[in-house]
PDB file of all heavy atoms in Angstrom:
ATOM      1  N   VAL A   1       0.865  -1.187   0.000  1.00  0.00           N
ATOM      2  CA  VAL A   1       0.001  -0.001   0.001  1.00  0.00           C
ATOM      3  C   VAL A   1       0.901   1.237  -0.001  1.00  0.00           C
ATOM      4  O   VAL A   1       1.943   1.260   0.666  1.00  0.00           O
ATOM      5  CB  VAL A   1      -0.923   0.014   1.241  1.00  0.00           C
ATOM      6  CG1 VAL A   1      -1.628   1.358   1.390  1.00  0.00           C
ATOM      7  CG2 VAL A   1      -1.952  -1.097   1.134  1.00  0.00           C
ATOM      8  N   GLY A   2       0.519   2.272  -0.744  1.00  0.00           N
ATOM      9  CA  GLY A   2       1.317   3.493  -0.794  1.00  0.00           C
ATOM     10  C   GLY A   2       1.234   4.250   0.520  1.00  0.00           C
ATOM     11  O   GLY A   2       0.135   4.566   0.982  1.00  0.00           O
ATOM     12  N   VAL A   3       2.381   4.529   1.137  1.00  0.00           N
ATOM     13  CA  VAL A   3       2.432   5.235   2.421  1.00  0.00           C
ATOM     14  C   VAL A   3       3.458   6.362   2.342  1.00  0.00           C
ATOM     15  O   VAL A   3       4.590   6.156   1.905  1.00  0.00           O
ATOM     16  CB  VAL A   3       2.819   4.282   3.573  1.00  0.00           C
ATOM     17  CG1 VAL A   3       2.970   5.062   4.874  1.00  0.00           C
ATOM     18  CG2 VAL A   3       1.784   3.184   3.741  1.00  0.00           C
ATOM     19  N   ASP A   4       3.045   7.559   2.762  1.00  0.00           N
ATOM     20  CA  ASP A   4       3.973   8.700   2.803  1.00  0.00           C
ATOM     21  C   ASP A   4       3.705   9.490   4.075  1.00  0.00           C
ATOM     22  O   ASP A   4       2.548   9.800   4.384  1.00  0.00           O
ATOM     23  CB  ASP A   4       3.787   9.593   1.571  1.00  0.00           C
ATOM     24  CG  ASP A   4       4.705  10.800   1.604  1.00  0.00           C
ATOM     25  OD1 ASP A   4       5.931  10.616   1.496  1.00  0.00           O
ATOM     26  OD2 ASP A   4       4.210  11.938   1.760  1.00  0.00           O
ATOM     27  N   LEU A   5       4.755   9.792   4.835  1.00  0.00           N
ATOM     28  CA  LEU A   5       4.622  10.574   6.068  1.00  0.00           C
ATOM     29  C   LEU A   5       5.631  11.710   6.037  1.00  0.00           C
ATOM     30  O   LEU A   5       6.814  11.491   5.779  1.00  0.00           O
ATOM     31  CB  LEU A   5       4.849   9.698   7.304  1.00  0.00           C
ATOM     32  CG  LEU A   5       4.649  10.395   8.668  1.00  0.00           C
ATOM     33  CD1 LEU A   5       4.124   9.404   9.692  1.00  0.00           C
ATOM     34  CD2 LEU A   5       5.947  11.015   9.178  1.00  0.00           C
ATOM     35  N   LYS A   6       5.146  12.919   6.267  1.00  0.00           N
ATOM     36  CA  LYS A   6       6.068  14.055   6.340  1.00  0.00           C
ATOM     37  C   LYS A   6       5.653  14.984   7.475  1.00  0.00           C
ATOM     38  O   LYS A   6       4.469  15.161   7.761  1.00  0.00           O
ATOM     39  CB  LYS A   6       6.098  14.811   5.009  1.00  0.00           C
ATOM     40  CG  LYS A   6       4.768  15.372   4.548  1.00  0.00           C
ATOM     41  CD  LYS A   6       4.916  16.024   3.186  1.00  0.00           C
ATOM     42  CE  LYS A   6       3.571  16.558   2.680  1.00  0.00           C
ATOM     43  NZ  LYS A   6       3.687  17.158   1.334  1.00  0.00           N
ATOM     44  N   LYS A   7       6.659  15.562   8.113  1.00  0.00           N
ATOM     45  CA  LYS A   7       6.428  16.515   9.198  1.00  0.00           C
ATOM     46  C   LYS A   7       6.259  17.914   8.616  1.00  0.00           C
ATOM     47  O   LYS A   7       6.819  18.234   7.567  1.00  0.00           O
ATOM     48  CB  LYS A   7       7.595  16.475  10.187  1.00  0.00           C
ATOM     49  CG  LYS A   7       7.686  15.170  10.959  1.00  0.00           C
ATOM     50  CD  LYS A   7       8.779  15.209  12.009  1.00  0.00           C
ATOM     51  CE  LYS A   7      10.142  14.975  11.414  1.00  0.00           C
ATOM     52  NZ  LYS A   7      11.188  14.815  12.446  1.00  0.00           N
ATOM     53  N   SER A   8       5.491  18.730   9.311  1.00  0.00           N
ATOM     54  CA  SER A   8       5.261  20.109   8.868  1.00  0.00           C
ATOM     55  C   SER A   8       5.108  21.011  10.089  1.00  0.00           C
ATOM     56  O   SER A   8       4.545  20.596  11.106  1.00  0.00           O
ATOM     57  CB  SER A   8       4.004  20.194   7.997  1.00  0.00           C
ATOM     58  OG  SER A   8       3.715  21.537   7.664  1.00  0.00           O
ATOM     59  N   ASN A   9       5.621  22.233   9.964  1.00  0.00           N
ATOM     60  CA  ASN A   9       5.498  23.202  11.063  1.00  0.00           C
ATOM     61  C   ASN A   9       4.223  24.028  10.981  1.00  0.00           C
ATOM     62  O   ASN A   9       3.900  24.767  11.903  1.00  0.00           O
ATOM     63  CB  ASN A   9       6.715  24.143  11.074  1.00  0.00           C
ATOM     64  CG  ASN A   9       7.988  23.427  11.471  1.00  0.00           C
ATOM     65  OD1 ASN A   9       7.969  22.543  12.331  1.00  0.00           O
ATOM     66  ND2 ASN A   9       9.096  23.774  10.831  1.00  0.00           N
ATOM     67  N   HIS A  10       3.529  23.906   9.869  1.00  0.00           N
ATOM     68  CA  HIS A  10       2.286  24.681   9.716  1.00  0.00           C
ATOM     69  C   HIS A  10       1.236  23.853   8.984  1.00  0.00           C
ATOM     70  O   HIS A  10       1.302  23.661   7.775  1.00  0.00           O
ATOM     71  CB  HIS A  10       2.554  25.981   8.944  1.00  0.00           C
ATOM     72  CG  HIS A  10       1.355  26.865   8.871  1.00  0.00           C
ATOM     73  ND1 HIS A  10       0.980  27.717   9.891  1.00  0.00           N
ATOM     74  CD2 HIS A  10       0.414  27.022   7.895  1.00  0.00           C
ATOM     75  CE1 HIS A  10      -0.118  28.372   9.537  1.00  0.00           C
ATOM     76  NE2 HIS A  10      -0.480  27.958   8.339  1.00  0.00           N
ATOM     77  N   ILE A  11       0.299  23.337   9.737  1.00  0.00           N
ATOM     78  CA  ILE A  11      -0.808  22.546   9.173  1.00  0.00           C
ATOM     79  C   ILE A  11      -2.121  23.225   9.552  1.00  0.00           C
ATOM     80  O   ILE A  11      -2.300  23.648  10.691  1.00  0.00           O
ATOM     81  CB  ILE A  11      -0.785  21.101   9.725  1.00  0.00           C
ATOM     82  CG1 ILE A  11       0.440  20.362   9.199  1.00  0.00           C
ATOM     83  CG2 ILE A  11      -2.059  20.347   9.347  1.00  0.00           C
ATOM     84  CD1 ILE A  11       0.603  18.968   9.765  1.00  0.00           C
ATOM     85  N   THR A  12      -3.001  23.342   8.594  1.00  0.00           N
ATOM     86  CA  THR A  12      -4.331  23.906   8.852  1.00  0.00           C
ATOM     87  C   THR A  12      -5.373  22.809   8.724  1.00  0.00           C
ATOM     88  O   THR A  12      -5.427  22.100   7.717  1.00  0.00           O
ATOM     89  CB  THR A  12      -4.663  25.039   7.857  1.00  0.00           C
ATOM     90  OG1 THR A  12      -3.691  26.083   7.993  1.00  0.00           O
ATOM     91  CG2 THR A  12      -6.055  25.612   8.131  1.00  0.00           C
ATOM     92  N   ILE A  13      -6.172  22.659   9.763  1.00  0.00           N
ATOM     93  CA  ILE A  13      -7.245  21.654   9.764  1.00  0.00           C
ATOM     94  C   ILE A  13      -8.578  22.378   9.870  1.00  0.00           C
ATOM     95  O   ILE A  13      -8.786  23.173  10.795  1.00  0.00           O
ATOM     96  CB  ILE A  13      -7.059  20.670  10.933  1.00  0.00           C
ATOM     97  CG1 ILE A  13      -5.784  19.846  10.705  1.00  0.00           C
ATOM     98  CG2 ILE A  13      -8.267  19.749  11.071  1.00  0.00           C
ATOM     99  CD1 ILE A  13      -5.507  18.807  11.774  1.00  0.00           C
ATOM    100  N   PRO A  14      -9.482  22.145   8.917  1.00  0.00           N
ATOM    101  CA  PRO A  14     -10.769  22.870   8.910  1.00  0.00           C
ATOM    102  C   PRO A  14     -11.668  22.451  10.058  1.00  0.00           C
ATOM    103  O   PRO A  14     -11.468  21.409  10.693  1.00  0.00           O
ATOM    104  CB  PRO A  14     -11.380  22.479   7.565  1.00  0.00           C
ATOM    105  CG  PRO A  14     -10.804  21.120   7.283  1.00  0.00           C
ATOM    106  CD  PRO A  14      -9.404  21.146   7.831  1.00  0.00           C
ATOM    107  N   LYS A  15     -12.655  23.259  10.312  1.00  0.00           N
ATOM    108  CA  LYS A  15     -13.613  22.929  11.369  1.00  0.00           C
ATOM    109  C   LYS A  15     -14.621  21.900  10.870  1.00  0.00           C
ATOM    110  O   LYS A  15     -14.823  21.738   9.656  1.00  0.00           O
ATOM    111  CB  LYS A  15     -14.346  24.179  11.846  1.00  0.00           C
ATOM    112  CG  LYS A  15     -15.266  24.806  10.804  1.00  0.00           C
ATOM    113  CD  LYS A  15     -15.957  26.018  11.383  1.00  0.00           C
ATOM    114  CE  LYS A  15     -16.907  26.653  10.357  1.00  0.00           C
ATOM    115  NZ  LYS A  15     -17.599  27.825  10.904  1.00  0.00           N
ATOM    116  N   TYR A  16     -15.247  21.232  11.791  1.00  0.00           N
ATOM    117  CA  TYR A  16     -16.314  20.275  11.476  1.00  0.00           C
ATOM    118  C   TYR A  16     -17.556  21.069  11.085  1.00  0.00           C
ATOM    119  O   TYR A  16     -17.988  21.966  11.813  1.00  0.00           O
ATOM    120  CB  TYR A  16     -16.593  19.406  12.702  1.00  0.00           C
ATOM    121  CG  TYR A  16     -17.746  18.446  12.529  1.00  0.00           C
ATOM    122  CD1 TYR A  16     -17.658  17.372  11.657  1.00  0.00           C
ATOM    123  CD2 TYR A  16     -18.930  18.611  13.249  1.00  0.00           C
ATOM    124  CE1 TYR A  16     -18.713  16.481  11.509  1.00  0.00           C
ATOM    125  CE2 TYR A  16     -19.982  17.721  13.105  1.00  0.00           C
ATOM    126  CZ  TYR A  16     -19.867  16.660  12.229  1.00  0.00           C
ATOM    127  OH  TYR A  16     -20.911  15.787  12.073  1.00  0.00           O
ATOM    128  N   THR A  17     -18.114  20.756   9.905  1.00  0.00           N
ATOM    129  CA  THR A  17     -19.245  21.532   9.394  1.00  0.00           C
ATOM    130  C   THR A  17     -20.595  20.874   9.646  1.00  0.00           C
ATOM    131  O   THR A  17     -21.630  21.407   9.262  1.00  0.00           O
ATOM    132  CB  THR A  17     -19.086  21.781   7.878  1.00  0.00           C
ATOM    133  OG1 THR A  17     -18.951  20.515   7.207  1.00  0.00           O
ATOM    134  CG2 THR A  17     -17.861  22.631   7.600  1.00  0.00           C
ATOM    135  N   GLY A  18     -20.578  19.706  10.274  1.00  0.00           N
ATOM    136  CA  GLY A  18     -21.848  19.036  10.571  1.00  0.00           C
ATOM    137  C   GLY A  18     -22.430  19.525  11.888  1.00  0.00           C
ATOM    138  O   GLY A  18     -22.003  20.541  12.449  1.00  0.00           O
ATOM    139  N   VAL A  19     -23.392  18.794  12.371  1.00  0.00           N
ATOM    140  CA  VAL A  19     -24.052  19.127  13.634  1.00  0.00           C
ATOM    141  C   VAL A  19     -23.743  18.037  14.654  1.00  0.00           C
ATOM    142  O   VAL A  19     -23.968  16.852  14.396  1.00  0.00           O
ATOM    143  CB  VAL A  19     -25.583  19.254  13.450  1.00  0.00           C
ATOM    144  CG1 VAL A  19     -26.251  19.550  14.790  1.00  0.00           C
ATOM    145  CG2 VAL A  19     -25.904  20.344  12.441  1.00  0.00           C
ATOM    146  N   ILE A  20     -23.198  18.441  15.800  1.00  0.00           N
ATOM    147  CA  ILE A  20     -22.892  17.484  16.860  1.00  0.00           C
ATOM    148  C   ILE A  20     -24.049  17.480  17.854  1.00  0.00           C
ATOM    149  O   ILE A  20     -24.355  18.505  18.464  1.00  0.00           O
ATOM    150  CB  ILE A  20     -21.575  17.840  17.575  1.00  0.00           C
ATOM    151  CG1 ILE A  20     -20.401  17.781  16.582  1.00  0.00           C
ATOM    152  CG2 ILE A  20     -21.325  16.898  18.740  1.00  0.00           C
ATOM    153  CD1 ILE A  20     -19.078  18.199  17.171  1.00  0.00           C
ATOM    154  N   THR A  21     -24.692  16.344  17.980  1.00  0.00           N
ATOM    155  CA  THR A  21     -25.830  16.242  18.910  1.00  0.00           C
ATOM    156  C   THR A  21     -25.573  15.126  19.916  1.00  0.00           C
ATOM    157  O   THR A  21     -25.016  14.079  19.575  1.00  0.00           O
ATOM    158  CB  THR A  21     -27.139  15.933  18.152  1.00  0.00           C
ATOM    159  OG1 THR A  21     -26.963  14.737  17.383  1.00  0.00           O
ATOM    160  CG2 THR A  21     -27.503  17.074  17.224  1.00  0.00           C
ATOM    161  N   TYR A  22     -25.960  15.360  21.149  1.00  0.00           N
ATOM    162  CA  TYR A  22     -25.842  14.363  22.202  1.00  0.00           C
ATOM    163  C   TYR A  22     -27.254  14.022  22.696  1.00  0.00           C
ATOM    164  O   TYR A  22     -27.938  14.889  23.236  1.00  0.00           O
ATOM    165  CB  TYR A  22     -24.984  14.893  23.352  1.00  0.00           C
ATOM    166  CG  TYR A  22     -23.533  15.072  22.976  1.00  0.00           C
ATOM    167  CD1 TYR A  22     -23.047  16.307  22.563  1.00  0.00           C
ATOM    168  CD2 TYR A  22     -22.652  14.004  23.026  1.00  0.00           C
ATOM    169  CE1 TYR A  22     -21.711  16.467  22.216  1.00  0.00           C
ATOM    170  CE2 TYR A  22     -21.321  14.148  22.681  1.00  0.00           C
ATOM    171  CZ  TYR A  22     -20.855  15.392  22.270  1.00  0.00           C
ATOM    172  OH  TYR A  22     -19.544  15.534  21.920  1.00  0.00           O
ATOM    173  N   LYS A  23     -27.677  12.793  22.467  1.00  0.00           N
ATOM    174  CA  LYS A  23     -29.037  12.380  22.835  1.00  0.00           C
ATOM    175  C   LYS A  23     -29.112  11.826  24.261  1.00  0.00           C
ATOM    176  O   LYS A  23     -30.152  11.954  24.922  1.00  0.00           O
ATOM    177  CB  LYS A  23     -29.538  11.311  21.869  1.00  0.00           C
ATOM    178  CG  LYS A  23     -29.703  11.803  20.432  1.00  0.00           C
ATOM    179  CD  LYS A  23     -30.209  10.668  19.552  1.00  0.00           C
ATOM    180  CE  LYS A  23     -30.388  11.133  18.127  1.00  0.00           C
ATOM    181  NZ  LYS A  23     -30.869  10.026  17.245  1.00  0.00           N
ATOM    182  N   TYR A  24     -28.042  11.214  24.724  1.00  0.00           N
ATOM    183  CA  TYR A  24     -28.133  10.468  25.978  1.00  0.00           C
ATOM    184  C   TYR A  24     -27.312  11.068  27.123  1.00  0.00           C
ATOM    185  O   TYR A  24     -27.603  10.797  28.286  1.00  0.00           O
ATOM    186  CB  TYR A  24     -27.687   9.027  25.737  1.00  0.00           C
ATOM    187  CG  TYR A  24     -28.414   8.377  24.585  1.00  0.00           C
ATOM    188  CD1 TYR A  24     -27.786   8.186  23.357  1.00  0.00           C
ATOM    189  CD2 TYR A  24     -29.745   8.001  24.691  1.00  0.00           C
ATOM    190  CE1 TYR A  24     -28.451   7.620  22.273  1.00  0.00           C
ATOM    191  CE2 TYR A  24     -30.432   7.442  23.639  1.00  0.00           C
ATOM    192  CZ  TYR A  24     -29.779   7.261  22.421  1.00  0.00           C
ATOM    193  OH  TYR A  24     -30.448   6.708  21.365  1.00  0.00           O
ATOM    194  N   THR A  25     -26.299  11.861  26.818  1.00  0.00           N
ATOM    195  CA  THR A  25     -25.482  12.446  27.888  1.00  0.00           C
ATOM    196  C   THR A  25     -26.180  13.685  28.458  1.00  0.00           C
ATOM    197  O   THR A  25     -26.751  14.478  27.725  1.00  0.00           O
ATOM    198  CB  THR A  25     -24.094  12.856  27.363  1.00  0.00           C
ATOM    199  OG1 THR A  25     -24.248  13.699  26.218  1.00  0.00           O
ATOM    200  CG2 THR A  25     -23.289  11.638  26.971  1.00  0.00           C
ATOM    201  N   GLN A  26     -26.108  13.815  29.772  1.00  0.00           N
ATOM    202  CA  GLN A  26     -26.719  14.953  30.458  1.00  0.00           C
ATOM    203  C   GLN A  26     -25.735  15.539  31.463  1.00  0.00           C
ATOM    204  O   GLN A  26     -24.862  14.838  31.976  1.00  0.00           O
ATOM    205  CB  GLN A  26     -27.994  14.511  31.194  1.00  0.00           C
ATOM    206  CG  GLN A  26     -29.095  13.994  30.279  1.00  0.00           C
ATOM    207  CD  GLN A  26     -30.309  13.543  31.040  1.00  0.00           C
ATOM    208  OE1 GLN A  26     -30.304  13.541  32.273  1.00  0.00           O
ATOM    209  NE2 GLN A  26     -31.356  13.160  30.335  1.00  0.00           N
ATOM    210  N   ASN A  27     -25.870  16.825  31.716  1.00  0.00           N
ATOM    211  CA  ASN A  27     -25.036  17.467  32.714  1.00  0.00           C
ATOM    212  C   ASN A  27     -25.420  16.972  34.110  1.00  0.00           C
ATOM    213  O   ASN A  27     -26.595  16.816  34.425  1.00  0.00           O
ATOM    214  CB  ASN A  27     -25.201  18.984  32.653  1.00  0.00           C
ATOM    215  CG  ASN A  27     -24.654  19.572  31.369  1.00  0.00           C
ATOM    216  OD1 ASN A  27     -23.698  19.035  30.804  1.00  0.00           O
ATOM    217  ND2 ASN A  27     -25.256  20.650  30.902  1.00  0.00           N
ATOM    218  N   THR A  28     -24.422  16.709  34.935  1.00  0.00           N
ATOM    219  CA  THR A  28     -24.702  16.300  36.322  1.00  0.00           C
ATOM    220  C   THR A  28     -24.948  17.522  37.171  1.00  0.00           C
ATOM    221  O   THR A  28     -24.326  18.570  37.002  1.00  0.00           O
ATOM    222  CB  THR A  28     -23.497  15.523  36.892  1.00  0.00           C
ATOM    223  OG1 THR A  28     -22.325  16.320  36.764  1.00  0.00           O
ATOM    224  CG2 THR A  28     -23.306  14.219  36.136  1.00  0.00           C
ATOM    225  N   LYS A  29     -25.873  17.407  38.067  1.00  0.00           N
ATOM    226  CA  LYS A  29     -26.216  18.564  38.918  1.00  0.00           C
ATOM    227  C   LYS A  29     -25.355  18.557  40.182  1.00  0.00           C
ATOM    228  O   LYS A  29     -24.933  17.532  40.655  1.00  0.00           O
ATOM    229  CB  LYS A  29     -27.707  18.483  39.302  1.00  0.00           C
ATOM    230  CG  LYS A  29     -28.602  18.624  38.093  1.00  0.00           C
ATOM    231  CD  LYS A  29     -30.072  18.570  38.498  1.00  0.00           C
ATOM    232  CE  LYS A  29     -30.987  18.692  37.287  1.00  0.00           C
ATOM    233  NZ  LYS A  29     -32.416  18.628  37.661  1.00  0.00           N
TER     234      LYS A  29
END
């Protein structure tokens, strides 16, 4: 399988554009 790894001092990662929903977790009082 083709594999390439390189280090970089400046990488930009975009934000998540979907919707994050939590159905079951709740804040503890």
